[in-house]
N, C-alpha and C. Protein backbone atom coordinates (compact mmCIF):
# COMPACT_ATOMS: atom_id res chain seq x y z
N UNK A 1 4.59 -9.66 6.55
CA UNK A 1 4.28 -8.77 6.05
C UNK A 1 4.91 -7.30 5.40
N UNK A 2 6.36 -8.90 5.28
CA UNK A 2 7.79 -8.13 4.39
C UNK A 2 7.28 -8.02 2.84
N UNK A 3 6.20 -9.46 2.21
CA UNK A 3 5.66 -9.38 1.19
C UNK A 3 4.93 -7.98 0.73
N UNK A 4 4.58 -7.11 1.85
CA UNK A 4 3.96 -6.00 1.32
C UNK A 4 4.73 -5.08 1.43
N UNK A 5 6.21 -5.04 1.93
CA UNK A 5 6.82 -3.66 1.76
C UNK A 5 7.58 -3.75 -0.08
N UNK A 6 6.94 -4.97 -0.55
CA UNK A 6 7.97 -4.88 -2.11
C UNK A 6 6.96 -4.33 -2.49
N UNK A 7 5.34 -4.43 -1.85
CA UNK A 7 4.10 -4.00 -2.78
C UNK A 7 4.10 -2.30 -2.36
N UNK A 8 4.77 -1.99 -1.22
CA UNK A 8 5.09 -0.69 -0.95
C UNK A 8 5.79 -0.59 -1.47
N UNK A 9 7.03 -0.54 -1.86
CA UNK A 9 8.03 -0.42 -2.55
C UNK A 9 7.52 0.04 -4.28
N UNK A 10 6.53 -1.03 -5.22
CA UNK A 10 6.19 -0.39 -6.27
C UNK A 10 5.56 0.13 -6.35
N UNK A 11 4.32 0.83 -5.61
CA UNK A 11 4.04 1.82 -5.25
C UNK A 11 4.29 2.78 -5.20
N UNK A 12 5.33 3.03 -4.25
CA UNK A 12 6.32 4.02 -4.10
C UNK A 12 6.92 4.48 -5.59
N UNK A 13 7.37 3.46 -5.94
CA UNK A 13 8.13 3.69 -7.24
C UNK A 13 7.26 4.36 -8.69
N UNK A 14 6.19 3.71 -8.59
CA UNK A 14 4.91 4.20 -9.62
C UNK A 14 4.57 5.32 -9.13
N UNK A 15 5.00 6.11 -8.20
CA UNK A 15 4.26 8.09 -8.35
C UNK A 15 5.90 8.42 -7.84
N UNK A 16 7.02 7.72 -8.34
CA UNK A 16 8.49 8.73 -8.75
C UNK A 16 8.69 8.89 -7.25
N UNK A 17 8.55 7.67 -6.21
CA UNK A 17 9.16 7.97 -5.00
C UNK A 17 10.03 6.99 -4.52
N UNK A 18 11.32 6.90 -3.58
CA UNK A 18 12.03 5.97 -3.47
C UNK A 18 11.50 5.43 -2.06
N UNK A 19 11.14 3.74 -1.85
CA UNK A 19 11.25 3.55 -0.42
C UNK A 19 12.20 2.03 -0.21
N UNK A 20 13.44 2.27 0.54
CA UNK A 20 14.13 2.12 1.11
C UNK A 20 14.42 1.77 2.52
N UNK A 21 14.98 2.94 3.34
CA UNK A 21 14.91 2.81 4.78
C UNK A 21 13.97 3.68 5.89
N UNK A 22 12.60 4.13 4.92
CA UNK A 22 11.78 5.39 5.57
C UNK A 22 10.94 4.29 6.76
N UNK A 23 10.22 4.49 7.50
CA UNK A 23 9.13 3.80 8.04
C UNK A 23 7.97 3.84 7.10
N UNK A 24 7.36 3.25 7.37
CA UNK A 24 5.99 2.68 6.74
C UNK A 24 5.42 4.02 6.48
N UNK A 25 4.91 4.42 8.06
CA UNK A 25 4.08 5.51 8.14
C UNK A 25 4.63 6.96 7.21
N UNK A 26 6.00 6.99 7.09
CA UNK A 26 6.79 8.05 6.53
C UNK A 26 6.28 7.94 4.87
N UNK A 27 6.90 6.85 4.29
CA UNK A 27 6.73 6.81 2.83
C UNK A 27 5.00 6.17 2.38
N UNK A 28 3.99 6.43 2.89
CA UNK A 28 2.56 6.31 2.97
C UNK A 28 2.43 7.84 3.03
N UNK A 29 3.05 8.25 4.19
CA UNK A 29 2.79 10.00 3.98
C UNK A 29 2.87 10.84 2.37
N UNK A 30 4.07 10.41 2.23
CA UNK A 30 4.67 10.71 0.77
C UNK A 30 4.15 10.86 -0.17
N UNK A 31 3.60 8.98 -0.56
CA UNK A 31 2.74 8.25 -1.35
C UNK A 31 1.39 9.13 -1.48
N UNK A 32 0.68 9.62 -0.53
CA UNK A 32 -0.78 10.40 0.11
C UNK A 32 -0.60 11.85 -0.93
N UNK A 33 0.88 12.23 -0.73
CA UNK A 33 0.95 13.79 -1.05
C UNK A 33 1.40 13.41 -2.55
N UNK A 34 2.02 12.73 -3.02
CA UNK A 34 2.24 12.55 -4.43
C UNK A 34 0.60 11.83 -5.17
N UNK A 35 -0.14 11.96 -4.64
CA UNK A 35 -1.31 11.01 -4.84
C UNK A 35 -1.93 12.97 -5.45
N UNK A 36 -2.31 13.51 -4.11
CA UNK A 36 -2.86 14.79 -4.27
C UNK A 36 -1.88 15.69 -5.32
N UNK A 37 -0.92 15.55 -5.57
CA UNK A 37 -0.39 16.23 -6.47
C UNK A 37 -0.99 15.54 -7.63
N UNK A 38 -0.92 14.52 -7.87
CA UNK A 38 -1.33 13.93 -9.17
C UNK A 38 -2.72 14.49 -9.48
N UNK A 39 -3.52 14.56 -8.66
CA UNK A 39 -4.90 14.76 -8.49
C UNK A 39 -5.38 16.06 -9.36
N UNK A 40 -3.95 17.08 -9.10
CA UNK A 40 -4.41 18.56 -9.53
C UNK A 40 -4.26 18.14 -10.73
N UNK A 41 -2.77 17.36 -11.00
CA UNK A 41 -1.74 17.60 -12.14
C UNK A 41 -2.37 16.62 -13.41
N UNK A 42 -3.06 15.85 -13.45
CA UNK A 42 -3.37 14.97 -14.39
C UNK A 42 -4.64 15.88 -15.10
N UNK A 43 -4.89 15.17 -16.45
CA UNK A 43 -5.89 15.81 -16.86
C UNK A 43 -7.30 14.97 -16.89
N UNK A 44 -8.38 15.89 -16.49
CA UNK A 44 -9.52 15.08 -16.36
C UNK A 44 -9.78 14.08 -17.23
N UNK A 45 -10.33 12.99 -17.25
CA UNK A 45 -11.09 12.12 -17.90
C UNK A 45 -10.82 10.55 -17.07
N UNK A 46 -11.32 9.50 -17.23
CA UNK A 46 -11.83 8.47 -17.32
C UNK A 46 -10.71 7.86 -16.67
N UNK A 47 -9.05 8.23 -17.54
CA UNK A 47 -8.47 7.63 -17.26
C UNK A 47 -7.70 7.82 -15.60
N UNK A 48 -8.29 9.44 -15.32
CA UNK A 48 -7.60 10.27 -14.39
C UNK A 48 -7.94 9.19 -13.05
N UNK A 49 -9.74 9.18 -13.54
CA UNK A 49 -10.16 8.73 -12.59
C UNK A 49 -9.96 7.27 -12.21
N UNK A 50 -10.04 6.71 -13.02
CA UNK A 50 -9.26 5.06 -12.69
C UNK A 50 -7.62 5.04 -11.94
N UNK A 51 -7.14 5.99 -12.36
CA UNK A 51 -5.73 5.80 -12.02
C UNK A 51 -5.70 6.10 -10.45
N UNK A 52 -6.72 7.44 -10.35
CA UNK A 52 -6.43 7.98 -8.90
C UNK A 52 -7.15 7.02 -8.00
N UNK A 53 -8.65 6.57 -8.33
CA UNK A 53 -9.09 5.28 -7.95
C UNK A 53 -8.72 4.10 -7.77
N UNK A 54 -7.35 3.93 -8.20
CA UNK A 54 -6.30 2.44 -7.97
C UNK A 54 -5.23 3.41 -7.21
N UNK A 55 -4.27 4.45 -7.11
CA UNK A 55 -3.65 4.49 -6.39
C UNK A 55 -4.07 5.04 -5.16
N UNK A 56 -5.27 5.25 -4.49
CA UNK A 56 -5.65 6.16 -3.31
C UNK A 56 -5.92 4.67 -2.59
N UNK A 57 -6.63 3.67 -3.34
CA UNK A 57 -6.99 2.30 -2.42
C UNK A 57 -5.90 1.94 -2.08
N UNK A 58 -4.63 2.02 -3.23
CA UNK A 58 -3.81 1.20 -2.66
C UNK A 58 -2.87 2.24 -1.41
N UNK A 59 -2.92 2.92 -1.50
CA UNK A 59 -2.37 4.04 -0.47
C UNK A 59 -3.00 4.08 0.92
N UNK A 60 -4.13 3.99 1.10
CA UNK A 60 -5.36 3.47 2.37
C UNK A 60 -4.96 2.03 2.85
N UNK A 61 -4.96 1.08 1.94
CA UNK A 61 -5.37 0.11 2.29
C UNK A 61 -3.54 -0.05 3.10
N UNK A 62 -2.73 0.55 2.41
CA UNK A 62 -1.39 0.12 3.18
C UNK A 62 -1.41 0.79 4.73
N UNK A 63 -1.89 2.02 4.47
CA UNK A 63 -2.20 2.30 6.39
C UNK A 63 -3.00 1.74 7.19
N UNK A 64 -3.62 0.57 6.11
CA UNK A 64 -4.67 -0.29 7.10
C UNK A 64 -3.71 -1.61 7.53
N UNK A 65 -3.32 -1.82 6.59
CA UNK A 65 -2.18 -3.12 7.07
C UNK A 65 -1.25 -2.57 8.48
N UNK A 66 -0.73 -1.17 7.71
CA UNK A 66 0.40 -1.08 9.09
C UNK A 66 -0.28 -0.90 10.27
N UNK A 67 -1.90 -0.10 10.10
CA UNK A 67 -2.01 0.15 11.92
C UNK A 67 -2.76 -0.98 12.11
N UNK A 68 -3.50 -2.12 11.12
CA UNK A 68 -4.01 -3.12 11.99
C UNK A 68 -3.42 -4.35 11.92
N UNK A 69 -2.24 -4.77 11.50
CA UNK A 69 -1.88 -5.84 11.50
C UNK A 69 -0.35 -5.94 11.63
N UNK A 70 0.51 -5.47 10.53
CA UNK A 70 2.18 -4.97 10.83
C UNK A 70 2.95 -4.85 12.30
N UNK A 71 2.21 -3.32 12.67
CA UNK A 71 2.97 -3.06 13.75
C UNK A 71 2.77 -3.64 14.77
N UNK A 72 1.58 -4.42 15.24
CA UNK A 72 1.34 -4.94 16.53
C UNK A 72 2.19 -6.54 16.05
N UNK A 73 2.14 -7.26 14.98
CA UNK A 73 3.17 -8.19 14.71
C UNK A 73 4.83 -7.92 15.11
N UNK A 74 5.15 -6.80 14.00
CA UNK A 74 6.59 -6.85 14.21
C UNK A 74 7.09 -6.01 15.37
N UNK A 75 6.77 -5.76 16.36
CA UNK A 75 6.62 -5.03 17.62
C UNK A 75 6.73 -5.72 18.72
N UNK A 76 5.89 -7.30 18.23
CA UNK A 76 5.56 -8.60 19.32
C UNK A 76 4.47 -8.12 20.24
N UNK A 77 3.50 -7.51 19.57
CA UNK A 77 2.65 -6.46 20.29
C UNK A 77 1.20 -7.43 20.22
N UNK A 78 0.83 -8.24 19.31
CA UNK A 78 -0.28 -9.23 19.30
C UNK A 78 0.17 -10.75 18.38
N UNK A 79 -0.57 -11.34 19.24
CA UNK A 79 -0.77 -12.97 18.67
C UNK A 79 -2.13 -12.90 18.02
N UNK A 80 -2.12 -13.94 16.80
CA UNK A 80 -2.98 -14.25 16.07
C UNK A 80 -3.62 -15.99 16.18
N UNK A 81 -4.56 -16.24 16.08
CA UNK A 81 -4.99 -17.48 15.97
C UNK A 81 -4.88 -18.44 14.80
N UNK A 82 -5.26 -19.52 14.32
CA UNK A 82 -5.06 -20.12 13.49
C UNK A 82 -5.75 -19.61 12.22
N UNK A 83 -6.81 -18.68 12.31
CA UNK A 83 -7.66 -18.54 11.82
C UNK A 83 -7.77 -16.98 11.60
N UNK A 84 -7.29 -16.34 12.36
CA UNK A 84 -6.81 -14.90 11.95
C UNK A 84 -5.75 -14.55 11.49
N UNK A 85 -4.48 -15.02 11.39
CA UNK A 85 -3.66 -15.66 10.34
C UNK A 85 -3.95 -15.85 9.25
N UNK A 86 -4.58 -16.94 9.44
CA UNK A 86 -5.21 -17.41 7.62
C UNK A 86 -6.01 -16.01 6.70
N UNK A 87 -6.56 -15.41 7.71
CA UNK A 87 -7.46 -14.46 7.16
C UNK A 87 -6.46 -12.91 6.77
N UNK A 88 -5.42 -12.80 7.69
CA UNK A 88 -4.23 -11.75 7.04
C UNK A 88 -3.67 -12.24 5.90
N UNK A 89 -3.82 -13.92 5.78
CA UNK A 89 -2.63 -14.70 4.15
C UNK A 89 -3.39 -14.38 3.15
N UNK A 90 -4.69 -14.23 3.59
CA UNK A 90 -5.70 -14.09 2.16
C UNK A 90 -6.13 -12.36 2.27
N UNK A 91 -6.01 -12.19 2.96
CA UNK A 91 -6.08 -10.64 2.90
C UNK A 91 -4.51 -9.87 1.99
N UNK A 92 -3.75 -10.62 2.63
CA UNK A 92 -2.51 -9.62 1.50
C UNK A 92 -2.66 -10.49 0.10
N UNK A 93 -2.62 -12.02 0.09
CA UNK A 93 -2.45 -12.04 -1.76
C UNK A 93 -3.66 -11.34 -1.78
N UNK A 94 -4.55 -11.35 -1.70
CA UNK A 94 -5.63 -10.46 -2.59
C UNK A 94 -5.45 -9.21 -2.57
N UNK A 95 -4.97 -8.62 -1.77
CA UNK A 95 -4.51 -7.53 -1.67
C UNK A 95 -2.54 -7.25 -3.42
N UNK A 96 -2.23 -7.99 -2.91
CA UNK A 96 -0.98 -8.34 -4.04
C UNK A 96 -1.28 -8.64 -5.22
N UNK A 97 -1.94 -9.01 -5.24
CA UNK A 97 -2.72 -9.83 -6.76
C UNK A 97 -3.83 -8.29 -7.49
N UNK A 98 -4.24 -7.42 -6.18
CA UNK A 98 -4.88 -6.24 -7.16
C UNK A 98 -3.57 -5.45 -7.33
N UNK A 99 -2.28 -5.32 -6.83
CA UNK A 99 -1.36 -4.28 -7.19
C UNK A 99 -0.71 -4.60 -8.50
N UNK A 100 -0.33 -5.92 -8.22
CA UNK A 100 0.42 -6.64 -9.49
C UNK A 100 -1.01 -6.43 -10.82
N UNK A 101 -1.95 -6.51 -10.75
CA UNK A 101 -2.25 -6.08 -11.96
C UNK A 101 -2.41 -4.80 -12.71
N UNK A 102 -1.65 -3.43 -12.05
CA UNK A 102 -1.26 -2.19 -12.48
C UNK A 102 -0.22 -1.78 -12.58
N UNK A 103 1.18 -2.54 -11.08
CA UNK A 103 2.18 -2.41 -10.55
C UNK A 103 3.05 -3.47 -11.16
N UNK A 104 4.62 -3.43 -11.02
CA UNK A 104 5.75 -3.93 -11.34
C UNK A 104 6.60 -3.63 -10.34
N UNK A 105 7.36 -4.43 -10.53
CA UNK A 105 8.30 -4.40 -9.19
C UNK A 105 9.14 -3.29 -9.68
């Protein structure tokens, strides 16, 4: 889950926010607010549509990572067998590859 924090930080930086000590929920809410603002301010067109789709999907994915996996692992409330753990790792890898296609640290 720590690698996802790097991705969350990169996404925050991309929308001109700083992610340092906030809780995931706080920064995800701030990112979603920025995305709504960008939706209103960017010029219409294909580039806006592509940007909004990327940002919206990324923000929602972090929400699901947080609620689906991170909170349970980080707070000692969940155990995963090797198949579940492999699934989480593969999903994380694929998502981070997707993020890195448009973002950098």
